[in-house]
N, C-alpha and C. Protein backbone atom coordinates (compact mmCIF):
# COMPACT_ATOMS: atom_id res chain seq x y z
N UNK A 1 -44.67 -126.99 -60.04
CA UNK A 1 -45.74 -126.52 -59.18
C UNK A 1 -45.16 -125.65 -58.08
N UNK A 2 -45.90 -124.63 -57.72
CA UNK A 2 -45.50 -123.70 -56.67
C UNK A 2 -45.64 -124.38 -55.32
N UNK A 3 -44.63 -124.26 -54.45
CA UNK A 3 -44.71 -124.91 -53.14
C UNK A 3 -45.51 -124.08 -52.14
N UNK A 4 -45.90 -122.86 -52.52
CA UNK A 4 -46.70 -122.01 -51.65
C UNK A 4 -48.11 -121.88 -52.23
N UNK A 5 -49.09 -121.87 -51.36
CA UNK A 5 -50.47 -121.65 -51.79
C UNK A 5 -50.76 -120.17 -51.61
N UNK A 6 -50.38 -119.36 -52.59
CA UNK A 6 -50.55 -117.91 -52.50
C UNK A 6 -51.45 -117.44 -53.62
N UNK A 7 -52.29 -116.44 -53.31
CA UNK A 7 -53.20 -115.85 -54.29
C UNK A 7 -53.12 -114.34 -54.17
N UNK A 8 -53.43 -113.64 -55.26
CA UNK A 8 -53.48 -112.19 -55.26
C UNK A 8 -54.88 -111.76 -55.66
N UNK A 9 -55.52 -110.95 -54.83
CA UNK A 9 -56.82 -110.37 -55.15
C UNK A 9 -56.76 -108.91 -54.74
N UNK A 10 -57.31 -108.04 -55.59
CA UNK A 10 -57.31 -106.61 -55.27
C UNK A 10 -58.71 -106.22 -54.81
N UNK A 11 -58.80 -105.72 -53.58
CA UNK A 11 -60.09 -105.34 -53.02
C UNK A 11 -59.87 -104.41 -51.84
N UNK A 12 -60.95 -103.78 -51.41
CA UNK A 12 -60.91 -102.93 -50.22
C UNK A 12 -61.33 -103.77 -49.02
N UNK A 13 -60.50 -103.76 -47.99
CA UNK A 13 -60.85 -104.48 -46.78
C UNK A 13 -61.68 -103.54 -45.92
N UNK A 14 -62.86 -103.98 -45.47
CA UNK A 14 -63.69 -103.12 -44.65
C UNK A 14 -63.86 -103.62 -43.23
N UNK A 15 -63.41 -104.85 -42.95
CA UNK A 15 -63.53 -105.38 -41.59
C UNK A 15 -62.53 -106.52 -41.41
N UNK A 16 -61.92 -106.60 -40.22
CA UNK A 16 -61.03 -107.71 -39.88
C UNK A 16 -61.54 -108.36 -38.60
N UNK A 17 -61.74 -109.66 -38.63
CA UNK A 17 -62.12 -110.45 -37.46
C UNK A 17 -60.86 -111.20 -37.01
N UNK A 18 -60.14 -110.63 -36.03
CA UNK A 18 -58.87 -111.23 -35.60
C UNK A 18 -59.07 -112.50 -34.79
N UNK A 19 -60.22 -112.67 -34.17
CA UNK A 19 -60.47 -113.88 -33.38
C UNK A 19 -60.61 -115.09 -34.30
N UNK A 20 -61.38 -114.94 -35.38
CA UNK A 20 -61.62 -116.04 -36.32
C UNK A 20 -60.70 -116.01 -37.54
N UNK A 21 -59.78 -115.04 -37.57
CA UNK A 21 -58.81 -114.87 -38.66
C UNK A 21 -59.49 -114.77 -40.03
N UNK A 22 -60.37 -113.77 -40.15
CA UNK A 22 -61.09 -113.52 -41.41
C UNK A 22 -60.99 -112.04 -41.75
N UNK A 23 -60.79 -111.76 -43.03
CA UNK A 23 -60.80 -110.39 -43.54
C UNK A 23 -61.98 -110.28 -44.50
N UNK A 24 -62.81 -109.28 -44.31
CA UNK A 24 -63.98 -109.06 -45.16
C UNK A 24 -63.66 -107.96 -46.15
N UNK A 25 -63.80 -108.25 -47.44
CA UNK A 25 -63.37 -107.34 -48.50
C UNK A 25 -64.47 -107.13 -49.52
N UNK A 26 -64.38 -105.98 -50.23
CA UNK A 26 -65.33 -105.70 -51.30
C UNK A 26 -64.62 -105.05 -52.48
N UNK A 27 -65.20 -105.22 -53.65
CA UNK A 27 -64.67 -104.62 -54.86
C UNK A 27 -65.82 -104.05 -55.66
N UNK A 28 -65.58 -102.92 -56.32
CA UNK A 28 -66.60 -102.34 -57.18
C UNK A 28 -66.37 -102.70 -58.63
N UNK A 29 -65.32 -103.50 -58.92
CA UNK A 29 -65.02 -103.90 -60.29
C UNK A 29 -65.69 -105.24 -60.58
N UNK A 30 -66.42 -105.31 -61.69
CA UNK A 30 -67.11 -106.55 -62.05
C UNK A 30 -66.14 -107.67 -62.41
N UNK A 31 -64.97 -107.32 -62.91
CA UNK A 31 -64.04 -108.34 -63.36
C UNK A 31 -63.10 -108.81 -62.25
N UNK A 32 -63.25 -108.26 -61.06
CA UNK A 32 -62.37 -108.60 -59.96
C UNK A 32 -63.06 -109.59 -59.02
N UNK A 33 -62.31 -110.34 -58.27
CA UNK A 33 -62.80 -111.27 -57.26
C UNK A 33 -63.73 -112.32 -57.85
N UNK A 34 -63.48 -112.73 -59.08
CA UNK A 34 -64.32 -113.74 -59.71
C UNK A 34 -65.72 -113.25 -59.99
N UNK A 35 -65.91 -111.93 -60.15
CA UNK A 35 -67.22 -111.37 -60.45
C UNK A 35 -68.07 -111.08 -59.22
N UNK A 36 -67.55 -111.37 -58.03
CA UNK A 36 -68.30 -111.13 -56.80
C UNK A 36 -67.94 -109.77 -56.22
N UNK A 37 -68.91 -109.10 -55.59
CA UNK A 37 -68.64 -107.80 -55.00
C UNK A 37 -67.96 -107.92 -53.64
N UNK A 38 -68.28 -108.98 -52.87
CA UNK A 38 -67.71 -109.14 -51.54
C UNK A 38 -67.15 -110.55 -51.37
N UNK A 39 -66.04 -110.64 -50.66
CA UNK A 39 -65.48 -111.95 -50.34
C UNK A 39 -64.99 -111.93 -48.90
N UNK A 40 -64.88 -113.10 -48.32
CA UNK A 40 -64.28 -113.29 -47.01
C UNK A 40 -63.01 -114.09 -47.22
N UNK A 41 -61.91 -113.57 -46.70
CA UNK A 41 -60.61 -114.22 -46.87
C UNK A 41 -60.17 -114.77 -45.51
N UNK A 42 -59.97 -116.08 -45.44
CA UNK A 42 -59.40 -116.70 -44.25
C UNK A 42 -57.89 -116.55 -44.33
N UNK A 43 -57.25 -116.30 -43.21
CA UNK A 43 -55.81 -116.11 -43.24
C UNK A 43 -55.13 -116.79 -42.06
N UNK A 44 -53.87 -117.15 -42.27
CA UNK A 44 -53.02 -117.63 -41.19
C UNK A 44 -52.21 -116.46 -40.63
N UNK A 45 -51.65 -115.65 -41.55
CA UNK A 45 -50.90 -114.45 -41.21
C UNK A 45 -51.47 -113.32 -42.03
N UNK A 46 -51.66 -112.17 -41.42
CA UNK A 46 -52.21 -111.02 -42.12
C UNK A 46 -51.18 -109.90 -42.12
N UNK A 47 -50.85 -109.42 -43.30
CA UNK A 47 -49.90 -108.33 -43.48
C UNK A 47 -50.67 -107.10 -43.92
N UNK A 48 -50.55 -106.02 -43.20
CA UNK A 48 -51.24 -104.78 -43.54
C UNK A 48 -50.18 -103.76 -43.92
N UNK A 49 -50.31 -103.17 -45.11
CA UNK A 49 -49.34 -102.20 -45.59
C UNK A 49 -50.04 -100.87 -45.86
N UNK A 50 -49.37 -99.79 -45.55
CA UNK A 50 -49.90 -98.46 -45.79
C UNK A 50 -49.73 -98.10 -47.26
N UNK A 51 -50.66 -97.36 -47.80
CA UNK A 51 -50.56 -96.90 -49.18
C UNK A 51 -49.56 -95.77 -49.32
N UNK A 52 -49.12 -95.56 -50.52
CA UNK A 52 -48.16 -94.49 -50.78
C UNK A 52 -48.27 -94.06 -52.24
N UNK A 53 -47.73 -92.93 -52.54
CA UNK A 53 -47.68 -92.45 -53.91
C UNK A 53 -46.27 -92.68 -54.42
N UNK A 54 -46.11 -93.59 -55.33
CA UNK A 54 -44.78 -93.96 -55.83
C UNK A 54 -44.35 -93.07 -56.98
N UNK A 55 -43.06 -92.99 -57.19
CA UNK A 55 -42.51 -92.27 -58.32
C UNK A 55 -42.67 -93.16 -59.55
N UNK A 56 -43.37 -92.69 -60.55
CA UNK A 56 -43.61 -93.48 -61.77
C UNK A 56 -42.58 -93.20 -62.85
N UNK A 57 -41.62 -92.31 -62.56
CA UNK A 57 -40.58 -91.94 -63.52
C UNK A 57 -41.18 -91.48 -64.85
N UNK A 58 -42.35 -90.83 -64.75
CA UNK A 58 -43.06 -90.27 -65.92
C UNK A 58 -43.42 -91.34 -66.95
N UNK A 59 -43.68 -92.56 -66.49
CA UNK A 59 -44.10 -93.64 -67.40
C UNK A 59 -45.57 -93.44 -67.75
N UNK A 60 -45.85 -93.27 -69.02
CA UNK A 60 -47.21 -93.01 -69.49
C UNK A 60 -48.14 -94.19 -69.16
N UNK A 61 -49.30 -93.90 -68.56
CA UNK A 61 -50.32 -94.91 -68.31
C UNK A 61 -50.33 -95.46 -66.90
N UNK A 62 -49.25 -95.31 -66.14
CA UNK A 62 -49.21 -95.88 -64.79
C UNK A 62 -50.18 -95.16 -63.86
N UNK A 63 -50.19 -93.84 -63.87
CA UNK A 63 -51.08 -93.07 -63.01
C UNK A 63 -52.54 -93.36 -63.34
N UNK A 64 -52.84 -93.61 -64.60
CA UNK A 64 -54.21 -93.90 -65.05
C UNK A 64 -54.62 -95.33 -64.75
N UNK A 65 -53.80 -96.08 -64.02
CA UNK A 65 -54.09 -97.46 -63.60
C UNK A 65 -54.07 -98.45 -64.77
N UNK A 66 -53.25 -98.20 -65.78
CA UNK A 66 -53.08 -99.17 -66.86
C UNK A 66 -51.99 -100.17 -66.51
N UNK A 67 -51.40 -100.04 -65.32
CA UNK A 67 -50.33 -100.93 -64.88
C UNK A 67 -50.27 -100.92 -63.36
N UNK A 68 -49.72 -101.97 -62.79
CA UNK A 68 -49.53 -102.04 -61.34
C UNK A 68 -48.12 -101.61 -61.01
């Protein structure tokens, strides 16, 4: 068993409530977030990372989002 309670969900964050430690997120994908369009994520620590365009080394399908 994993000693950390960690989860991965892919969504767009549209609001952060730093007082109550909640992040409000939405997804337009039906298969994401358990089929829900919006979720509220409670957090202890929040890490925010800037997006970037990575070098895919010309790997077919990565740019088309067939891989993370």
